[in-house]
Amino acid sequence: MLQRRPALAPLAAALAILVGLALGACAGVEAPFVEVTPLSDTRDPLGPYTVRAVATDDREIASVRLYHRSDAVADAAVVTLEATGEGIYEGTLPGYPPGTLVHYFVEAIDTDGNAAYDPPTARDGDAGCVETSAEPAAEQDGASYCFRVLR
C-alpha cells in the first residue's frame, strides 16, 4: 500500500506570502508623524520665536524643516529644526514688524523619503491659516499655521 504525503506546495506558498508581508512592513512605507505646538499672536517684534514639533517614525527621521513666510512675501524661507531628544525638534523664526501675519508649517521626512506635514494640508497650497484655537488642524481647510505680530 502506498502512503500519500501531504502536498507541501500550499504550505510553501503561504510561508512565502508571510515572509513577503514581513519584508514589506520593514520597508518603511509609513509616513512619519509630526505635530507642531502652534505659536500664539505676540507683541514682540524682535523675536526670535521658538517653534517646537514632535516627529516620530517607525524607522528614523532624516530631517524636520520649518517653512515660513510673512503675508507680504510669496516664497517661504526654510529653517532646519534641530533634535533636542525624545522626538522633539526646535528651531527659531526671526522677528517680524508689527502688523505682520506669519504663515508656517513643518515637514518631517524619514530615511525612506516618506514625508508628513503639520498642518496636514500644508502641501495643498496656501488656502489660508489654520485657526489654532478652533478644531484640530486636520479638520480645517487652512494650509499653514499663522500668528500675528500685534501692533
N, C-alpha and C. Protein backbone atom coordinates (compact mmCIF):
# COMPACT_ATOMS: atom_id res chain seq x y z
N MET A 1 0.84 -1.16 0.00
CA MET A 1 0.00 0.00 0.00
C MET A 1 0.89 1.24 0.00
N LEU A 2 0.56 2.20 -0.83
CA LEU A 2 1.32 3.44 -0.94
C LEU A 2 0.81 4.45 0.08
N GLN A 3 1.74 5.11 0.72
CA GLN A 3 1.33 6.19 1.63
C GLN A 3 1.38 7.50 0.86
N ARG A 4 0.39 8.33 1.08
CA ARG A 4 0.36 9.64 0.42
C ARG A 4 0.91 10.68 1.38
N ARG A 5 1.79 11.47 0.89
CA ARG A 5 2.33 12.58 1.68
C ARG A 5 1.52 13.83 1.37
N PRO A 6 1.27 14.62 2.39
CA PRO A 6 0.54 15.86 2.12
C PRO A 6 1.37 16.77 1.21
N ALA A 7 0.69 17.43 0.34
CA ALA A 7 1.38 18.35 -0.57
C ALA A 7 1.93 19.53 0.22
N LEU A 8 3.19 19.82 -0.02
CA LEU A 8 3.83 20.94 0.69
C LEU A 8 3.69 22.26 -0.06
N ALA A 9 3.26 22.22 -1.29
CA ALA A 9 3.17 23.45 -2.08
C ALA A 9 2.29 24.51 -1.43
N PRO A 10 1.09 24.18 -0.94
CA PRO A 10 0.28 25.24 -0.31
C PRO A 10 0.94 25.83 0.93
N LEU A 11 1.62 25.00 1.70
CA LEU A 11 2.32 25.50 2.88
C LEU A 11 3.47 26.42 2.49
N ALA A 12 4.22 26.03 1.47
CA ALA A 12 5.32 26.86 1.00
C ALA A 12 4.81 28.19 0.46
N ALA A 13 3.71 28.16 -0.25
CA ALA A 13 3.13 29.40 -0.79
C ALA A 13 2.69 30.33 0.33
N ALA A 14 2.05 29.77 1.35
CA ALA A 14 1.61 30.58 2.48
C ALA A 14 2.80 31.18 3.21
N LEU A 15 3.86 30.39 3.37
CA LEU A 15 5.07 30.89 4.02
C LEU A 15 5.70 32.01 3.21
N ALA A 16 5.73 31.87 1.90
CA ALA A 16 6.28 32.92 1.04
C ALA A 16 5.49 34.21 1.16
N ILE A 17 4.17 34.09 1.25
CA ILE A 17 3.33 35.28 1.42
C ILE A 17 3.62 35.96 2.74
N LEU A 18 3.73 35.20 3.80
CA LEU A 18 4.02 35.78 5.12
C LEU A 18 5.38 36.46 5.14
N VAL A 19 6.38 35.85 4.55
CA VAL A 19 7.72 36.46 4.50
C VAL A 19 7.66 37.75 3.70
N GLY A 20 6.94 37.74 2.58
CA GLY A 20 6.81 38.95 1.77
C GLY A 20 6.13 40.07 2.53
N LEU A 21 5.09 39.75 3.27
CA LEU A 21 4.41 40.76 4.07
C LEU A 21 5.32 41.32 5.15
N ALA A 22 6.08 40.46 5.78
CA ALA A 22 7.00 40.91 6.83
C ALA A 22 8.07 41.82 6.25
N LEU A 23 8.62 41.45 5.10
CA LEU A 23 9.65 42.29 4.48
C LEU A 23 9.06 43.61 4.02
N GLY A 24 7.84 43.59 3.51
CA GLY A 24 7.19 44.83 3.09
C GLY A 24 6.95 45.76 4.26
N ALA A 25 6.61 45.20 5.41
CA ALA A 25 6.38 46.01 6.60
C ALA A 25 7.66 46.66 7.07
N CYS A 26 8.78 46.05 6.78
CA CYS A 26 10.07 46.60 7.20
C CYS A 26 10.59 47.65 6.24
N ALA A 27 9.92 47.84 5.12
CA ALA A 27 10.42 48.75 4.10
C ALA A 27 10.15 50.21 4.43
N GLY A 28 9.45 50.50 5.50
CA GLY A 28 9.22 51.88 5.89
C GLY A 28 8.24 52.60 4.98
N VAL A 29 7.12 52.00 4.71
CA VAL A 29 6.13 52.62 3.83
C VAL A 29 5.28 53.65 4.55
N GLU A 30 5.35 53.68 5.85
CA GLU A 30 4.56 54.63 6.63
C GLU A 30 5.25 56.00 6.67
N ALA A 31 4.46 57.05 6.52
CA ALA A 31 4.99 58.41 6.67
C ALA A 31 5.23 58.68 8.15
N PRO A 32 6.12 59.60 8.45
CA PRO A 32 6.35 59.96 9.85
C PRO A 32 5.11 60.62 10.46
N PHE A 33 5.11 60.74 11.76
CA PHE A 33 4.11 61.52 12.48
C PHE A 33 4.79 62.83 12.85
N VAL A 34 4.13 63.95 12.62
CA VAL A 34 4.68 65.25 13.02
C VAL A 34 3.54 66.11 13.57
N GLU A 35 3.83 66.78 14.68
CA GLU A 35 2.84 67.66 15.30
C GLU A 35 3.55 68.88 15.87
N VAL A 36 3.07 70.05 15.47
CA VAL A 36 3.64 71.33 15.89
C VAL A 36 2.88 71.86 17.10
N THR A 37 3.60 72.52 17.99
CA THR A 37 2.96 73.30 19.04
C THR A 37 2.75 74.69 18.45
N PRO A 38 1.51 75.07 18.09
CA PRO A 38 1.28 76.34 17.41
C PRO A 38 1.67 77.54 18.26
N LEU A 39 2.15 78.57 17.58
CA LEU A 39 2.50 79.82 18.24
C LEU A 39 1.26 80.70 18.37
N SER A 40 1.24 81.50 19.41
CA SER A 40 0.16 82.46 19.63
C SER A 40 0.59 83.82 19.08
N ASP A 41 -0.38 84.69 18.86
CA ASP A 41 -0.07 86.06 18.49
C ASP A 41 0.87 86.65 19.54
N THR A 42 1.69 87.61 19.10
CA THR A 42 2.67 88.19 20.01
C THR A 42 2.77 89.70 19.82
N ARG A 43 3.23 90.38 20.83
CA ARG A 43 3.52 91.82 20.73
C ARG A 43 5.02 92.06 20.58
N ASP A 44 5.79 90.99 20.50
CA ASP A 44 7.25 91.07 20.40
C ASP A 44 7.68 91.08 18.93
N PRO A 45 8.09 92.26 18.40
CA PRO A 45 8.53 92.31 17.01
C PRO A 45 9.98 91.85 16.81
N LEU A 46 10.72 91.68 17.90
CA LEU A 46 12.14 91.35 17.79
C LEU A 46 12.41 89.86 17.59
N GLY A 47 11.53 89.03 18.18
CA GLY A 47 11.79 87.59 18.10
C GLY A 47 13.03 87.24 18.91
N PRO A 48 13.64 86.13 18.71
CA PRO A 48 13.15 85.07 17.84
C PRO A 48 11.96 84.35 18.47
N TYR A 49 11.21 83.66 17.61
CA TYR A 49 10.06 82.89 18.05
C TYR A 49 10.41 81.41 17.92
N THR A 50 10.37 80.69 19.02
CA THR A 50 10.76 79.28 19.02
C THR A 50 9.59 78.40 18.60
N VAL A 51 9.84 77.56 17.60
CA VAL A 51 8.84 76.60 17.13
C VAL A 51 9.29 75.21 17.57
N ARG A 52 8.36 74.47 18.18
CA ARG A 52 8.64 73.11 18.64
C ARG A 52 7.72 72.14 17.91
N ALA A 53 8.29 71.00 17.57
CA ALA A 53 7.50 69.95 16.92
C ALA A 53 7.93 68.59 17.46
N VAL A 54 7.01 67.67 17.47
CA VAL A 54 7.31 66.27 17.78
C VAL A 54 7.27 65.53 16.45
N ALA A 55 8.32 64.78 16.15
CA ALA A 55 8.37 63.98 14.93
C ALA A 55 8.87 62.59 15.27
N THR A 56 8.09 61.58 14.89
CA THR A 56 8.47 60.19 15.14
C THR A 56 8.20 59.38 13.88
N ASP A 57 8.82 58.21 13.82
CA ASP A 57 8.66 57.34 12.66
C ASP A 57 8.92 55.90 13.06
N ASP A 58 8.40 54.97 12.26
CA ASP A 58 8.65 53.56 12.52
C ASP A 58 10.09 53.19 12.19
N ARG A 59 10.77 54.04 11.45
CA ARG A 59 12.18 53.82 11.11
C ARG A 59 13.01 54.91 11.80
N GLU A 60 13.39 55.93 11.02
CA GLU A 60 14.21 57.01 11.56
C GLU A 60 13.87 58.30 10.84
N ILE A 61 13.88 59.40 11.57
CA ILE A 61 13.64 60.72 10.99
C ILE A 61 14.94 61.21 10.35
N ALA A 62 14.85 61.63 9.09
CA ALA A 62 16.02 62.16 8.38
C ALA A 62 16.13 63.67 8.55
N SER A 63 14.98 64.38 8.49
CA SER A 63 15.02 65.83 8.65
C SER A 63 13.65 66.35 9.06
N VAL A 64 13.67 67.48 9.76
CA VAL A 64 12.45 68.20 10.13
C VAL A 64 12.70 69.65 9.76
N ARG A 65 11.85 70.18 8.89
CA ARG A 65 12.05 71.54 8.38
C ARG A 65 10.83 72.40 8.68
N LEU A 66 11.11 73.65 8.96
CA LEU A 66 10.09 74.66 9.22
C LEU A 66 10.08 75.62 8.04
N TYR A 67 8.95 75.73 7.37
CA TYR A 67 8.78 76.67 6.26
C TYR A 67 7.98 77.85 6.79
N HIS A 68 8.45 79.06 6.49
CA HIS A 68 7.74 80.24 6.99
C HIS A 68 7.83 81.39 6.01
N ARG A 69 6.82 82.25 6.08
CA ARG A 69 6.80 83.46 5.27
C ARG A 69 5.84 84.45 5.91
N SER A 70 6.02 85.71 5.57
CA SER A 70 5.07 86.72 6.04
C SER A 70 3.98 86.86 4.99
N ASP A 71 2.91 87.55 5.35
CA ASP A 71 1.83 87.75 4.39
C ASP A 71 2.25 88.65 3.23
N ALA A 72 3.37 89.34 3.35
CA ALA A 72 3.85 90.23 2.30
C ALA A 72 4.80 89.54 1.32
N VAL A 73 5.17 88.28 1.59
CA VAL A 73 6.15 87.57 0.77
C VAL A 73 5.53 86.26 0.27
N ALA A 74 5.72 85.96 -1.01
CA ALA A 74 5.13 84.75 -1.58
C ALA A 74 5.95 83.49 -1.30
N ASP A 75 7.28 83.60 -1.33
CA ASP A 75 8.13 82.42 -1.16
C ASP A 75 8.50 82.19 0.30
N ALA A 76 8.45 80.95 0.70
CA ALA A 76 8.77 80.59 2.08
C ALA A 76 10.27 80.44 2.27
N ALA A 77 10.73 80.82 3.45
CA ALA A 77 12.10 80.55 3.88
C ALA A 77 12.07 79.23 4.65
N VAL A 78 13.22 78.57 4.74
CA VAL A 78 13.29 77.26 5.37
C VAL A 78 14.29 77.27 6.51
N VAL A 79 13.89 76.70 7.64
CA VAL A 79 14.75 76.53 8.81
C VAL A 79 14.77 75.04 9.13
N THR A 80 15.95 74.46 9.29
CA THR A 80 16.05 73.07 9.72
C THR A 80 15.92 73.02 11.23
N LEU A 81 14.96 72.24 11.71
CA LEU A 81 14.77 72.10 13.15
C LEU A 81 15.79 71.09 13.69
N GLU A 82 16.30 71.36 14.87
CA GLU A 82 17.30 70.51 15.50
C GLU A 82 16.65 69.58 16.52
N ALA A 83 17.11 68.35 16.55
CA ALA A 83 16.61 67.38 17.53
C ALA A 83 17.11 67.75 18.92
N THR A 84 16.19 67.77 19.89
CA THR A 84 16.57 68.07 21.27
C THR A 84 16.41 66.84 22.16
N GLY A 85 15.95 65.73 21.57
CA GLY A 85 15.79 64.49 22.33
C GLY A 85 14.35 64.05 22.39
N GLU A 86 14.15 62.74 22.48
CA GLU A 86 12.83 62.12 22.62
C GLU A 86 11.83 62.55 21.55
N GLY A 87 12.31 62.72 20.31
CA GLY A 87 11.43 63.06 19.20
C GLY A 87 11.02 64.51 19.13
N ILE A 88 11.65 65.37 19.93
CA ILE A 88 11.31 66.79 19.94
C ILE A 88 12.34 67.55 19.09
N TYR A 89 11.83 68.45 18.26
CA TYR A 89 12.67 69.26 17.38
C TYR A 89 12.34 70.73 17.61
N GLU A 90 13.37 71.58 17.53
CA GLU A 90 13.17 73.02 17.76
C GLU A 90 13.93 73.84 16.74
N GLY A 91 13.38 75.00 16.46
CA GLY A 91 14.04 75.98 15.61
C GLY A 91 13.43 77.34 15.90
N THR A 92 14.02 78.38 15.35
CA THR A 92 13.51 79.72 15.62
C THR A 92 13.19 80.47 14.34
N LEU A 93 12.18 81.30 14.46
CA LEU A 93 11.82 82.25 13.41
C LEU A 93 12.38 83.61 13.80
N PRO A 94 12.75 84.42 12.83
CA PRO A 94 13.24 85.76 13.15
C PRO A 94 12.07 86.66 13.57
N GLY A 95 12.40 87.83 14.09
CA GLY A 95 11.37 88.81 14.41
C GLY A 95 10.73 89.34 13.14
N TYR A 96 9.52 89.83 13.28
CA TYR A 96 8.78 90.43 12.16
C TYR A 96 8.21 91.76 12.63
N PRO A 97 8.00 92.71 11.72
CA PRO A 97 7.44 94.00 12.10
C PRO A 97 6.01 93.87 12.63
N PRO A 98 5.61 94.80 13.50
CA PRO A 98 4.23 94.80 14.00
C PRO A 98 3.23 94.82 12.84
N GLY A 99 2.15 94.10 13.00
CA GLY A 99 1.12 94.02 11.98
C GLY A 99 1.32 92.89 10.98
N THR A 100 2.44 92.17 11.08
CA THR A 100 2.74 91.09 10.14
C THR A 100 1.98 89.82 10.51
N LEU A 101 1.43 89.17 9.50
CA LEU A 101 0.84 87.84 9.66
C LEU A 101 1.87 86.85 9.15
N VAL A 102 2.29 85.93 10.02
CA VAL A 102 3.34 84.96 9.68
C VAL A 102 2.70 83.59 9.45
N HIS A 103 2.94 83.01 8.28
CA HIS A 103 2.46 81.67 7.92
C HIS A 103 3.61 80.69 8.13
N TYR A 104 3.32 79.50 8.66
CA TYR A 104 4.37 78.49 8.81
C TYR A 104 3.78 77.09 8.88
N PHE A 105 4.60 76.12 8.48
CA PHE A 105 4.25 74.71 8.64
C PHE A 105 5.53 73.92 8.77
N VAL A 106 5.40 72.67 9.24
CA VAL A 106 6.57 71.81 9.46
C VAL A 106 6.44 70.57 8.59
N GLU A 107 7.57 70.17 8.03
CA GLU A 107 7.68 68.96 7.22
C GLU A 107 8.66 68.01 7.90
N ALA A 108 8.27 66.75 8.07
CA ALA A 108 9.17 65.72 8.59
C ALA A 108 9.36 64.67 7.49
N ILE A 109 10.62 64.29 7.26
CA ILE A 109 10.94 63.28 6.25
C ILE A 109 11.72 62.16 6.92
N ASP A 110 11.31 60.91 6.64
CA ASP A 110 12.04 59.78 7.22
C ASP A 110 13.15 59.31 6.27
N THR A 111 13.93 58.35 6.72
CA THR A 111 15.08 57.88 5.94
C THR A 111 14.67 57.14 4.67
N ASP A 112 13.39 56.80 4.54
CA ASP A 112 12.90 56.17 3.31
C ASP A 112 12.32 57.19 2.34
N GLY A 113 12.34 58.48 2.72
CA GLY A 113 11.82 59.53 1.85
C GLY A 113 10.35 59.83 2.02
N ASN A 114 9.69 59.19 2.97
CA ASN A 114 8.28 59.48 3.24
C ASN A 114 8.18 60.80 3.99
N ALA A 115 7.20 61.62 3.62
CA ALA A 115 7.05 62.94 4.24
C ALA A 115 5.69 63.09 4.90
N ALA A 116 5.66 63.90 5.95
CA ALA A 116 4.42 64.27 6.63
C ALA A 116 4.49 65.75 6.96
N TYR A 117 3.33 66.37 7.07
CA TYR A 117 3.26 67.81 7.30
C TYR A 117 2.31 68.11 8.45
N ASP A 118 2.58 69.20 9.14
CA ASP A 118 1.64 69.73 10.11
C ASP A 118 1.59 71.23 9.91
N PRO A 119 0.39 71.76 9.58
CA PRO A 119 -0.85 71.04 9.39
C PRO A 119 -0.79 70.11 8.18
N PRO A 120 -1.63 69.06 8.21
CA PRO A 120 -1.59 68.05 7.14
C PRO A 120 -1.88 68.60 5.75
N THR A 121 -2.57 69.73 5.66
CA THR A 121 -2.92 70.33 4.37
C THR A 121 -1.85 71.26 3.84
N ALA A 122 -0.69 71.31 4.48
CA ALA A 122 0.34 72.30 4.12
C ALA A 122 0.77 72.23 2.67
N ARG A 123 0.85 71.07 2.07
CA ARG A 123 1.30 70.95 0.68
C ARG A 123 0.17 71.13 -0.32
N ASP A 124 -1.03 71.46 0.14
CA ASP A 124 -2.16 71.64 -0.76
C ASP A 124 -2.26 73.07 -1.28
N GLY A 125 -1.26 73.88 -1.04
CA GLY A 125 -1.31 75.28 -1.42
C GLY A 125 -1.74 76.12 -0.24
N ASP A 126 -1.48 77.40 -0.31
CA ASP A 126 -1.78 78.25 0.84
C ASP A 126 -3.22 78.74 0.76
N ALA A 127 -4.12 77.95 1.29
CA ALA A 127 -5.54 78.30 1.28
C ALA A 127 -5.90 79.23 2.42
N GLY A 128 -4.97 79.54 3.28
CA GLY A 128 -5.26 80.39 4.42
C GLY A 128 -4.61 79.85 5.67
N CYS A 129 -5.06 80.34 6.79
CA CYS A 129 -4.46 79.98 8.07
C CYS A 129 -5.34 79.02 8.84
N VAL A 130 -4.70 78.09 9.50
CA VAL A 130 -5.39 77.21 10.44
C VAL A 130 -5.61 78.00 11.71
N GLU A 131 -6.82 78.00 12.20
CA GLU A 131 -7.12 78.67 13.46
C GLU A 131 -6.66 77.77 14.60
N THR A 132 -5.68 78.21 15.36
CA THR A 132 -5.11 77.35 16.40
C THR A 132 -6.04 77.19 17.60
N SER A 133 -7.05 78.04 17.71
CA SER A 133 -7.97 77.92 18.85
C SER A 133 -9.23 77.14 18.49
N ALA A 134 -9.36 76.74 17.23
CA ALA A 134 -10.56 76.03 16.79
C ALA A 134 -10.35 74.52 16.82
N GLU A 135 -11.07 73.81 15.95
CA GLU A 135 -10.97 72.35 15.92
C GLU A 135 -9.58 71.90 15.44
N PRO A 136 -9.27 70.62 15.55
CA PRO A 136 -7.94 70.13 15.16
C PRO A 136 -7.59 70.52 13.72
N ALA A 137 -6.30 70.76 13.49
CA ALA A 137 -5.82 71.22 12.18
C ALA A 137 -6.22 70.28 11.05
N ALA A 138 -6.24 68.99 11.30
CA ALA A 138 -6.57 68.02 10.25
C ALA A 138 -7.99 68.21 9.73
N GLU A 139 -8.85 68.86 10.50
CA GLU A 139 -10.24 69.05 10.11
C GLU A 139 -10.49 70.43 9.53
N GLN A 140 -9.44 71.22 9.31
CA GLN A 140 -9.59 72.56 8.78
C GLN A 140 -9.03 72.64 7.36
N ASP A 141 -9.45 73.67 6.63
CA ASP A 141 -9.01 73.84 5.25
C ASP A 141 -7.74 74.65 5.11
N GLY A 142 -7.30 75.32 6.17
CA GLY A 142 -6.11 76.15 6.07
C GLY A 142 -4.87 75.34 5.75
N ALA A 143 -3.94 75.93 5.04
CA ALA A 143 -2.75 75.20 4.61
C ALA A 143 -1.53 75.52 5.46
N SER A 144 -1.63 76.40 6.41
CA SER A 144 -0.50 76.70 7.28
C SER A 144 -1.00 77.22 8.62
N TYR A 145 -0.13 77.14 9.61
CA TYR A 145 -0.42 77.81 10.87
C TYR A 145 -0.05 79.27 10.68
N CYS A 146 -0.66 80.14 11.46
CA CYS A 146 -0.35 81.56 11.38
C CYS A 146 -0.35 82.17 12.77
N PHE A 147 0.46 83.20 12.92
CA PHE A 147 0.37 84.05 14.10
C PHE A 147 0.62 85.47 13.64
N ARG A 148 0.11 86.40 14.42
CA ARG A 148 0.25 87.82 14.06
C ARG A 148 1.15 88.51 15.08
N VAL A 149 2.01 89.37 14.55
CA VAL A 149 2.80 90.25 15.42
C VAL A 149 1.94 91.49 15.61
N LEU A 150 1.42 91.64 16.81
CA LEU A 150 0.46 92.71 17.09
C LEU A 150 1.15 94.06 17.18
N ARG A 151 0.37 95.08 16.91
CA ARG A 151 0.88 96.47 16.99
C ARG A 151 0.86 96.95 18.42
